[in-house]
N, C-alpha and C. Protein backbone atom coordinates (compact mmCIF):
# COMPACT_ATOMS: atom_id res chain seq x y z
N MET A 1 75.85 41.80 175.26
CA MET A 1 75.32 41.68 173.92
C MET A 1 76.42 41.62 172.93
N THR A 2 76.18 40.92 171.86
CA THR A 2 77.22 40.78 170.80
C THR A 2 77.34 42.05 170.01
N ASP A 3 78.46 42.21 169.37
CA ASP A 3 78.66 43.40 168.52
C ASP A 3 77.93 43.20 167.20
N ARG A 4 77.65 44.35 166.59
CA ARG A 4 77.08 44.46 165.28
C ARG A 4 78.19 44.85 164.32
N ARG A 5 78.19 44.40 163.16
CA ARG A 5 79.18 44.73 162.14
C ARG A 5 78.55 45.51 161.01
N LEU A 6 79.29 46.51 160.52
CA LEU A 6 78.82 47.32 159.40
C LEU A 6 79.98 47.45 158.44
N THR A 7 79.70 47.07 157.20
CA THR A 7 80.66 47.21 156.09
C THR A 7 80.14 48.18 155.06
N ILE A 8 80.94 49.16 154.68
CA ILE A 8 80.60 50.12 153.71
C ILE A 8 81.33 49.70 152.40
N HIS A 9 80.62 49.42 151.38
CA HIS A 9 81.17 49.15 150.08
C HIS A 9 81.06 50.42 149.19
N PHE A 10 82.23 50.89 148.79
CA PHE A 10 82.27 52.16 148.03
C PHE A 10 82.21 51.92 146.51
N THR A 11 81.85 52.97 145.83
CA THR A 11 81.73 52.91 144.40
C THR A 11 83.02 52.63 143.68
N ASP A 12 84.15 52.87 144.29
CA ASP A 12 85.45 52.59 143.66
C ASP A 12 85.90 51.20 143.96
N GLY A 13 85.16 50.39 144.58
CA GLY A 13 85.47 48.98 144.83
C GLY A 13 86.13 48.68 146.18
N THR A 14 86.44 49.75 146.90
CA THR A 14 87.06 49.54 148.29
C THR A 14 85.98 49.36 149.29
N LYS A 15 86.34 48.95 150.47
CA LYS A 15 85.38 48.79 151.56
C LYS A 15 86.05 49.05 152.93
N LEU A 16 85.25 49.49 153.90
CA LEU A 16 85.64 49.65 155.28
C LEU A 16 84.68 48.94 156.13
N SER A 17 85.22 48.25 157.23
CA SER A 17 84.32 47.51 158.12
C SER A 17 84.47 48.05 159.56
N PHE A 18 83.35 48.09 160.27
CA PHE A 18 83.36 48.59 161.65
C PHE A 18 82.61 47.58 162.52
N ALA A 19 83.00 47.58 163.79
CA ALA A 19 82.19 46.84 164.82
C ALA A 19 81.69 47.81 165.82
N PHE A 20 80.51 47.63 166.28
CA PHE A 20 79.95 48.53 167.28
C PHE A 20 78.93 47.75 168.15
N PRO A 21 78.77 48.24 169.38
CA PRO A 21 77.89 47.50 170.28
C PRO A 21 76.39 47.63 169.89
N ARG A 22 75.68 46.64 170.26
CA ARG A 22 74.24 46.76 170.13
C ARG A 22 73.57 46.43 171.43
N PRO A 23 72.47 46.99 171.80
CA PRO A 23 71.81 48.05 170.98
C PRO A 23 72.50 49.38 171.17
N GLN A 24 72.31 50.26 170.22
CA GLN A 24 72.83 51.61 170.32
C GLN A 24 72.06 52.37 171.43
N GLU A 25 72.64 53.29 172.06
CA GLU A 25 72.00 54.03 173.14
C GLU A 25 70.95 54.96 172.55
N GLY A 26 69.99 55.27 173.39
CA GLY A 26 68.97 56.15 173.01
C GLY A 26 67.58 55.70 173.43
N VAL A 27 66.84 56.62 173.95
CA VAL A 27 65.45 56.25 174.35
C VAL A 27 64.61 56.10 173.09
N GLY A 28 63.89 55.01 173.06
CA GLY A 28 63.02 54.80 171.94
C GLY A 28 63.73 54.42 170.66
N TYR A 29 64.86 53.77 170.82
CA TYR A 29 65.60 53.34 169.62
C TYR A 29 64.75 52.48 168.74
N ASN A 30 64.62 52.84 167.53
CA ASN A 30 63.77 52.11 166.56
C ASN A 30 64.46 52.00 165.26
N VAL A 31 64.77 50.76 164.86
CA VAL A 31 65.57 50.58 163.63
C VAL A 31 64.89 51.16 162.44
N THR A 32 63.58 50.97 162.31
CA THR A 32 62.84 51.52 161.11
C THR A 32 62.98 52.98 161.02
N GLN A 33 62.80 53.72 162.17
CA GLN A 33 62.94 55.18 162.12
C GLN A 33 64.37 55.57 161.84
N ARG A 34 65.33 54.91 162.43
CA ARG A 34 66.74 55.25 162.16
C ARG A 34 67.10 55.09 160.71
N VAL A 35 66.68 54.01 160.05
CA VAL A 35 66.97 53.76 158.62
C VAL A 35 66.36 54.86 157.82
N GLN A 36 65.09 55.24 158.09
CA GLN A 36 64.41 56.29 157.32
C GLN A 36 65.14 57.62 157.49
N GLU A 37 65.58 57.95 158.68
CA GLU A 37 66.38 59.18 158.96
C GLU A 37 67.71 59.15 158.21
N LEU A 38 68.36 57.99 158.20
CA LEU A 38 69.64 57.87 157.56
C LEU A 38 69.55 58.16 156.09
N VAL A 39 68.54 57.61 155.42
CA VAL A 39 68.34 57.77 154.01
C VAL A 39 68.16 59.25 153.60
N LYS A 40 67.58 60.05 154.51
CA LYS A 40 67.29 61.45 154.22
C LYS A 40 68.62 62.28 154.26
N ASP A 41 69.60 61.81 155.02
CA ASP A 41 70.85 62.60 155.08
C ASP A 41 71.76 62.44 153.91
N GLN A 42 72.71 63.30 153.75
CA GLN A 42 73.67 63.22 152.66
C GLN A 42 74.91 62.46 153.05
N TYR A 43 75.13 62.26 154.35
CA TYR A 43 76.33 61.61 154.82
C TYR A 43 75.96 60.51 155.82
N LEU A 44 76.71 59.44 155.82
CA LEU A 44 76.73 58.47 156.87
C LEU A 44 77.78 58.92 157.88
N MET A 45 77.45 59.10 159.13
CA MET A 45 78.36 59.53 160.14
C MET A 45 78.60 58.40 161.16
N ILE A 46 79.90 58.11 161.46
CA ILE A 46 80.24 57.08 162.39
C ILE A 46 81.27 57.60 163.34
N GLU A 47 81.01 57.43 164.61
CA GLU A 47 82.00 57.86 165.62
C GLU A 47 82.92 56.60 165.80
N VAL A 48 84.25 56.83 165.50
CA VAL A 48 85.22 55.77 165.54
C VAL A 48 86.40 56.20 166.39
N ASP A 49 86.57 55.46 167.51
CA ASP A 49 87.74 55.70 168.39
C ASP A 49 87.92 57.20 168.76
N GLY A 50 86.80 57.85 169.10
CA GLY A 50 86.90 59.27 169.52
C GLY A 50 86.88 60.33 168.40
N THR A 51 86.77 59.84 167.14
CA THR A 51 86.67 60.79 166.05
C THR A 51 85.35 60.50 165.28
N VAL A 52 84.97 61.46 164.50
CA VAL A 52 83.72 61.28 163.66
C VAL A 52 84.15 61.19 162.19
N MET A 53 83.71 60.15 161.54
CA MET A 53 83.93 60.02 160.09
C MET A 53 82.66 60.21 159.37
N LEU A 54 82.74 61.03 158.25
CA LEU A 54 81.58 61.28 157.42
C LEU A 54 81.81 60.66 156.06
N PHE A 55 80.89 59.92 155.61
CA PHE A 55 80.94 59.24 154.27
C PHE A 55 79.83 59.72 153.36
N PRO A 56 80.12 60.45 152.30
CA PRO A 56 79.01 60.92 151.42
C PRO A 56 78.33 59.73 150.72
N PHE A 57 76.99 59.74 150.82
CA PHE A 57 76.25 58.68 150.22
C PHE A 57 76.53 58.51 148.70
N ALA A 58 76.92 59.60 148.04
CA ALA A 58 77.29 59.52 146.64
C ALA A 58 78.40 58.62 146.32
N ASN A 59 79.26 58.36 147.35
CA ASN A 59 80.42 57.46 147.15
C ASN A 59 80.15 56.07 147.65
N ILE A 60 78.94 55.75 148.17
CA ILE A 60 78.65 54.47 148.72
C ILE A 60 77.84 53.65 147.74
N LYS A 61 78.29 52.48 147.40
CA LYS A 61 77.54 51.54 146.56
C LYS A 61 76.49 50.86 147.40
N TYR A 62 76.85 50.25 148.54
CA TYR A 62 75.86 49.64 149.47
C TYR A 62 76.52 49.49 150.82
N ILE A 63 75.65 49.28 151.81
CA ILE A 63 76.07 49.10 153.20
C ILE A 63 75.54 47.76 153.67
N GLN A 64 76.36 46.99 154.36
CA GLN A 64 75.98 45.67 154.83
C GLN A 64 76.07 45.72 156.36
N VAL A 65 75.02 45.33 157.04
CA VAL A 65 74.96 45.27 158.47
C VAL A 65 74.65 43.86 158.93
N SER A 66 75.41 43.33 159.89
CA SER A 66 75.13 42.01 160.40
C SER A 66 75.40 41.95 161.93
N PRO A 67 74.69 41.20 162.68
CA PRO A 67 73.47 40.55 162.22
C PRO A 67 72.40 41.62 161.92
N ALA A 68 71.46 41.16 161.11
CA ALA A 68 70.34 42.12 160.72
C ALA A 68 69.59 42.56 162.01
N PRO A 69 69.25 43.87 162.03
CA PRO A 69 68.48 44.32 163.20
C PRO A 69 67.11 43.72 163.25
N ASP A 70 66.57 43.71 164.44
CA ASP A 70 65.23 43.15 164.61
C ASP A 70 64.40 44.09 165.48
N PRO A 71 63.29 44.58 165.07
CA PRO A 71 62.57 44.21 163.88
C PRO A 71 63.09 44.98 162.65
N LEU A 72 62.88 44.49 161.47
CA LEU A 72 63.24 45.14 160.24
C LEU A 72 62.05 45.95 159.75
N PRO A 73 62.32 47.03 158.98
CA PRO A 73 61.19 47.77 158.39
C PRO A 73 60.32 46.85 157.53
N ALA A 74 59.02 47.24 157.44
CA ALA A 74 58.07 46.40 156.75
C ALA A 74 58.41 46.19 155.26
N ASN A 75 59.11 47.17 154.64
CA ASN A 75 59.38 47.04 153.23
C ASN A 75 60.63 46.22 152.91
N VAL A 76 61.25 45.54 153.90
CA VAL A 76 62.44 44.78 153.69
C VAL A 76 62.05 43.34 153.20
N ILE A 77 62.67 42.81 152.18
CA ILE A 77 62.47 41.41 151.78
C ILE A 77 63.24 40.60 152.70
N LYS A 78 62.55 39.65 153.41
CA LYS A 78 63.21 38.87 154.44
C LYS A 78 63.52 37.48 153.97
N GLY A 79 64.53 36.80 154.52
CA GLY A 79 64.83 35.43 154.26
C GLY A 79 65.55 35.14 152.94
N ALA A 80 66.08 36.13 152.27
CA ALA A 80 66.77 35.95 150.97
C ALA A 80 68.12 35.36 151.15
N THR A 81 68.63 34.73 150.14
CA THR A 81 69.98 34.22 150.05
C THR A 81 70.65 34.71 148.79
N LEU A 82 71.97 34.87 148.78
CA LEU A 82 72.70 35.26 147.54
C LEU A 82 72.69 34.07 146.62
N ALA A 83 72.33 34.35 145.36
CA ALA A 83 72.19 33.21 144.44
C ALA A 83 73.16 33.33 143.25
N GLY A 84 74.25 33.90 143.49
CA GLY A 84 75.24 33.93 142.36
C GLY A 84 75.78 35.29 142.20
């Protein structure tokens, strides 16, 4: 399987990018449930090269994941393009 990419764009204008395998391990992996759980937490946690990095959501402007997971949660607007 191809890798998935995640880029964190921080409120100070900096960004960090990560590559990770897909699918992630776990019985019953469900993107919709994972996104909902993630939003409830105060930190985004990523295991990177044997260490764990914690990113406070208060410092994150937005997160970009590609390719988009499938299926997406029902409340996601699909098929959009950047228009400027």
